[in-house]
N, C-alpha and C. Protein backbone atom coordinates (compact mmCIF):
# COMPACT_ATOMS: atom_id res chain seq x y z
N MET A 1 7.58 -128.71 42.21
CA MET A 1 6.96 -127.65 41.43
C MET A 1 8.00 -126.67 40.90
N GLY A 2 8.99 -126.30 41.74
CA GLY A 2 10.02 -125.38 41.31
C GLY A 2 10.84 -125.91 40.16
N ASN A 3 11.20 -127.19 40.19
CA ASN A 3 11.98 -127.79 39.10
C ASN A 3 11.19 -127.81 37.81
N SER A 4 9.89 -128.05 37.91
CA SER A 4 9.05 -128.10 36.72
C SER A 4 8.99 -126.71 36.07
N LEU A 5 8.89 -125.66 36.89
CA LEU A 5 8.87 -124.30 36.35
C LEU A 5 10.22 -123.95 35.73
N LYS A 6 11.31 -124.31 36.38
CA LYS A 6 12.64 -124.07 35.82
C LYS A 6 12.81 -124.83 34.51
N SER A 7 12.33 -126.04 34.47
CA SER A 7 12.42 -126.85 33.26
C SER A 7 11.64 -126.21 32.12
N ALA A 8 10.44 -125.71 32.43
CA ALA A 8 9.61 -125.08 31.42
C ALA A 8 10.28 -123.80 30.90
N ARG A 9 10.83 -123.01 31.80
CA ARG A 9 11.52 -121.78 31.38
C ARG A 9 12.73 -122.11 30.51
N PHE A 10 13.45 -123.15 30.90
CA PHE A 10 14.62 -123.57 30.12
C PHE A 10 14.19 -123.96 28.70
N LEU A 11 13.07 -124.68 28.60
CA LEU A 11 12.57 -125.08 27.29
C LEU A 11 12.28 -123.86 26.43
N ILE A 12 11.58 -122.88 26.98
CA ILE A 12 11.25 -121.66 26.23
C ILE A 12 12.54 -120.93 25.84
N GLU A 13 13.47 -120.80 26.78
CA GLU A 13 14.71 -120.09 26.49
C GLU A 13 15.53 -120.78 25.40
N THR A 14 15.59 -122.09 25.43
CA THR A 14 16.37 -122.80 24.40
C THR A 14 15.68 -122.70 23.04
N ARG A 15 14.36 -122.76 23.03
CA ARG A 15 13.64 -122.65 21.76
C ARG A 15 13.78 -121.22 21.21
N LEU A 16 13.79 -120.22 22.10
CA LEU A 16 14.00 -118.84 21.65
C LEU A 16 15.39 -118.69 21.03
N ALA A 17 16.38 -119.27 21.68
CA ALA A 17 17.75 -119.21 21.14
C ALA A 17 17.82 -119.88 19.77
N ASP A 18 17.16 -121.01 19.64
CA ASP A 18 17.13 -121.71 18.34
C ASP A 18 16.38 -120.88 17.30
N ALA A 19 15.29 -120.24 17.72
CA ALA A 19 14.51 -119.40 16.80
C ALA A 19 15.34 -118.23 16.31
N MET A 20 16.18 -117.67 17.19
CA MET A 20 17.05 -116.56 16.79
C MET A 20 18.04 -116.98 15.71
N ARG A 21 18.35 -118.25 15.67
CA ARG A 21 19.25 -118.77 14.65
C ARG A 21 18.49 -119.19 13.38
N GLY A 22 17.18 -118.95 13.36
CA GLY A 22 16.39 -119.23 12.17
C GLY A 22 15.81 -120.63 12.09
N ASP A 23 15.76 -121.33 13.21
CA ASP A 23 15.23 -122.71 13.24
C ASP A 23 13.70 -122.66 13.18
N ASP A 24 13.15 -123.07 12.03
CA ASP A 24 11.69 -123.01 11.87
C ASP A 24 10.97 -123.95 12.83
N ARG A 25 11.59 -125.07 13.18
CA ARG A 25 10.96 -126.01 14.12
C ARG A 25 10.85 -125.38 15.51
N ALA A 26 11.86 -124.60 15.90
CA ALA A 26 11.81 -123.90 17.18
C ALA A 26 10.67 -122.88 17.18
N CYS A 27 10.51 -122.18 16.07
CA CYS A 27 9.41 -121.22 15.95
C CYS A 27 8.07 -121.94 16.06
N TYR A 28 7.96 -123.07 15.39
CA TYR A 28 6.73 -123.86 15.46
C TYR A 28 6.48 -124.31 16.90
N ASP A 29 7.50 -124.80 17.57
CA ASP A 29 7.35 -125.26 18.96
C ASP A 29 6.90 -124.11 19.87
N LEU A 30 7.43 -122.92 19.64
CA LEU A 30 7.00 -121.76 20.43
C LEU A 30 5.54 -121.43 20.14
N GLY A 31 5.15 -121.55 18.88
CA GLY A 31 3.74 -121.33 18.53
C GLY A 31 2.83 -122.31 19.25
N VAL A 32 3.24 -123.56 19.31
CA VAL A 32 2.45 -124.58 20.02
C VAL A 32 2.38 -124.23 21.51
N ALA A 33 3.52 -123.85 22.08
CA ALA A 33 3.55 -123.52 23.51
C ALA A 33 2.60 -122.37 23.83
N TYR A 34 2.63 -121.30 23.03
CA TYR A 34 1.77 -120.15 23.28
C TYR A 34 0.31 -120.44 22.95
N SER A 35 0.05 -121.28 21.97
CA SER A 35 -1.35 -121.56 21.59
C SER A 35 -2.03 -122.49 22.58
N THR A 36 -1.23 -123.19 23.37
CA THR A 36 -1.81 -124.13 24.35
C THR A 36 -1.53 -123.73 25.79
N GLY A 37 -0.65 -122.74 25.99
CA GLY A 37 -0.30 -122.33 27.34
C GLY A 37 0.52 -123.38 28.07
N THR A 38 1.38 -124.07 27.33
CA THR A 38 2.19 -125.13 27.93
C THR A 38 3.68 -124.81 27.75
N GLY A 39 4.51 -125.63 28.35
CA GLY A 39 5.95 -125.51 28.17
C GLY A 39 6.53 -124.24 28.75
N GLY A 40 5.85 -123.63 29.72
CA GLY A 40 6.35 -122.42 30.33
C GLY A 40 5.85 -121.14 29.69
N ALA A 41 5.01 -121.27 28.69
CA ALA A 41 4.46 -120.09 28.01
C ALA A 41 3.03 -119.84 28.47
N ASP A 42 2.66 -118.58 28.55
CA ASP A 42 1.27 -118.23 28.82
C ASP A 42 0.45 -118.45 27.56
N TYR A 43 -0.83 -118.72 27.72
CA TYR A 43 -1.74 -118.82 26.58
C TYR A 43 -1.85 -117.44 25.96
N ASP A 44 -1.41 -117.30 24.71
CA ASP A 44 -1.37 -116.00 24.05
C ASP A 44 -1.44 -116.23 22.54
N LEU A 45 -2.62 -116.03 21.97
CA LEU A 45 -2.79 -116.32 20.55
C LEU A 45 -2.01 -115.35 19.65
N ILE A 46 -1.77 -114.14 20.12
CA ILE A 46 -0.98 -113.20 19.32
C ILE A 46 0.45 -113.72 19.20
N GLN A 47 1.03 -114.12 20.32
CA GLN A 47 2.38 -114.68 20.29
C GLN A 47 2.40 -115.99 19.49
N ALA A 48 1.39 -116.80 19.67
CA ALA A 48 1.32 -118.07 18.94
C ALA A 48 1.30 -117.81 17.43
N HIS A 49 0.46 -116.88 17.00
CA HIS A 49 0.35 -116.55 15.58
C HIS A 49 1.69 -116.04 15.06
N LYS A 50 2.34 -115.18 15.84
CA LYS A 50 3.65 -114.66 15.45
C LYS A 50 4.63 -115.80 15.18
N TRP A 51 4.72 -116.73 16.13
CA TRP A 51 5.69 -117.83 15.98
C TRP A 51 5.31 -118.77 14.86
N PHE A 52 4.01 -119.07 14.73
CA PHE A 52 3.58 -119.91 13.60
C PHE A 52 3.87 -119.21 12.28
N ASN A 53 3.66 -117.91 12.24
CA ASN A 53 3.92 -117.14 11.02
C ASN A 53 5.40 -117.19 10.65
N LEU A 54 6.26 -117.01 11.64
CA LEU A 54 7.70 -117.07 11.37
C LEU A 54 8.12 -118.46 10.86
N ALA A 55 7.56 -119.49 11.44
CA ALA A 55 7.85 -120.85 10.98
C ALA A 55 7.29 -121.07 9.57
N ALA A 56 6.09 -120.56 9.33
CA ALA A 56 5.45 -120.73 8.02
C ALA A 56 6.25 -120.03 6.93
N VAL A 57 6.74 -118.83 7.22
CA VAL A 57 7.54 -118.09 6.25
C VAL A 57 8.81 -118.87 5.89
N ALA A 58 9.30 -119.64 6.85
CA ALA A 58 10.50 -120.46 6.62
C ALA A 58 10.16 -121.77 5.92
N GLY A 59 8.88 -121.98 5.60
CA GLY A 59 8.49 -123.16 4.84
C GLY A 59 7.90 -124.30 5.64
N ASN A 60 7.67 -124.10 6.93
CA ASN A 60 7.12 -125.16 7.78
C ASN A 60 5.61 -125.28 7.50
N GLU A 61 5.22 -126.38 6.88
CA GLU A 61 3.81 -126.58 6.49
C GLU A 61 2.90 -126.78 7.69
N GLU A 62 3.39 -127.45 8.73
CA GLU A 62 2.58 -127.61 9.95
C GLU A 62 2.21 -126.25 10.53
N ALA A 63 3.15 -125.34 10.48
CA ALA A 63 2.93 -124.00 11.01
C ALA A 63 1.89 -123.25 10.19
N GLN A 64 1.90 -123.47 8.89
CA GLN A 64 0.91 -122.82 8.03
C GLN A 64 -0.50 -123.24 8.43
N VAL A 65 -0.67 -124.52 8.69
CA VAL A 65 -1.98 -125.05 9.10
C VAL A 65 -2.36 -124.52 10.48
N ALA A 66 -1.42 -124.57 11.41
CA ALA A 66 -1.69 -124.11 12.78
C ALA A 66 -2.03 -122.62 12.81
N ARG A 67 -1.30 -121.84 12.02
CA ARG A 67 -1.56 -120.39 11.95
C ARG A 67 -2.98 -120.13 11.47
N ALA A 68 -3.41 -120.84 10.45
CA ALA A 68 -4.77 -120.68 9.92
C ALA A 68 -5.82 -121.09 10.95
N GLU A 69 -5.53 -122.16 11.68
CA GLU A 69 -6.49 -122.63 12.68
C GLU A 69 -6.67 -121.63 13.82
N ILE A 70 -5.58 -121.07 14.33
CA ILE A 70 -5.76 -120.14 15.45
C ILE A 70 -6.28 -118.79 14.97
N ALA A 71 -6.04 -118.46 13.70
CA ALA A 71 -6.55 -117.19 13.17
C ALA A 71 -8.08 -117.16 13.23
N ASP A 72 -8.70 -118.33 13.15
CA ASP A 72 -10.16 -118.39 13.25
C ASP A 72 -10.67 -117.91 14.61
N ASP A 73 -9.82 -117.96 15.63
CA ASP A 73 -10.21 -117.55 16.98
C ASP A 73 -9.70 -116.15 17.34
N MET A 74 -9.18 -115.44 16.35
CA MET A 74 -8.60 -114.13 16.59
C MET A 74 -9.36 -113.04 15.82
N THR A 75 -9.28 -111.82 16.35
CA THR A 75 -9.85 -110.68 15.63
C THR A 75 -8.85 -110.21 14.58
N ALA A 76 -9.33 -109.41 13.65
CA ALA A 76 -8.46 -108.85 12.62
C ALA A 76 -7.36 -108.01 13.27
N ARG A 77 -7.68 -107.29 14.31
CA ARG A 77 -6.69 -106.46 15.00
C ARG A 77 -5.62 -107.33 15.66
N GLU A 78 -6.02 -108.43 16.27
CA GLU A 78 -5.04 -109.34 16.89
C GLU A 78 -4.11 -109.94 15.84
N ILE A 79 -4.66 -110.31 14.70
CA ILE A 79 -3.84 -110.87 13.63
C ILE A 79 -2.86 -109.82 13.12
N ALA A 80 -3.33 -108.59 12.95
CA ALA A 80 -2.45 -107.51 12.50
C ALA A 80 -1.32 -107.27 13.52
N THR A 81 -1.65 -107.34 14.80
CA THR A 81 -0.64 -107.17 15.85
C THR A 81 0.39 -108.29 15.78
N ALA A 82 -0.08 -109.52 15.58
CA ALA A 82 0.82 -110.67 15.47
C ALA A 82 1.72 -110.55 14.24
N GLN A 83 1.16 -110.11 13.14
CA GLN A 83 1.95 -109.96 11.91
C GLN A 83 3.01 -108.88 12.08
N ARG A 84 2.63 -107.79 12.75
CA ARG A 84 3.61 -106.73 13.02
C ARG A 84 4.73 -107.25 13.92
N ALA A 85 4.37 -108.04 14.92
CA ALA A 85 5.39 -108.62 15.82
C ALA A 85 6.33 -109.54 15.05
N ALA A 86 5.80 -110.30 14.10
CA ALA A 86 6.64 -111.18 13.28
C ALA A 86 7.60 -110.36 12.42
N ARG A 87 7.08 -109.29 11.81
CA ARG A 87 7.95 -108.42 11.00
C ARG A 87 9.04 -107.79 11.86
N ASP A 88 8.66 -107.35 13.07
CA ASP A 88 9.65 -106.76 13.99
C ASP A 88 10.72 -107.78 14.36
N TRP A 89 10.32 -109.04 14.60
CA TRP A 89 11.28 -110.09 14.93
C TRP A 89 12.26 -110.30 13.77
N ILE A 90 11.73 -110.34 12.55
CA ILE A 90 12.58 -110.53 11.38
C ILE A 90 13.56 -109.37 11.25
N ALA A 91 13.07 -108.15 11.41
CA ALA A 91 13.95 -106.98 11.29
C ALA A 91 15.03 -107.00 12.38
N ALA A 92 14.67 -107.35 13.60
CA ALA A 92 15.64 -107.42 14.69
C ALA A 92 16.66 -108.53 14.44
N SER A 93 16.20 -109.64 13.92
CA SER A 93 17.10 -110.76 13.61
C SER A 93 18.10 -110.37 12.54
N GLN A 94 17.65 -109.64 11.55
CA GLN A 94 18.54 -109.22 10.47
C GLN A 94 19.57 -108.21 10.98
N ARG A 95 19.17 -107.35 11.92
CA ARG A 95 20.12 -106.39 12.50
C ARG A 95 21.18 -107.12 13.32
N ARG A 96 20.76 -108.17 14.06
CA ARG A 96 21.72 -108.94 14.87
C ARG A 96 22.71 -109.67 13.97
N ALA A 97 22.24 -110.15 12.82
CA ALA A 97 23.09 -110.92 11.93
C ALA A 97 24.09 -110.04 11.18
N ALA A 98 23.76 -108.78 11.03
CA ALA A 98 24.63 -107.87 10.25
C ALA A 98 25.81 -107.37 11.03
């Protein structure tokens, strides 16, 4: 059980590192992890929407579909929170790159 948890955390950490470098597939994978509560991520539709949104902005069509699907299960306030989190991520990423 301990190795499985370490493995799941490693997966999330590596995908986060890839997402910081602008990898849209990593963002999509994080969205999947949060939307399903797998891969070491808690089930969290706000986080899932954020990651799908970041992937979608980068042109990932699968993420566009997934974002629309989970939005059907979210309130307007949750979607606004997720969008704000995505904007904050972009702003933080741009500061790190500068």
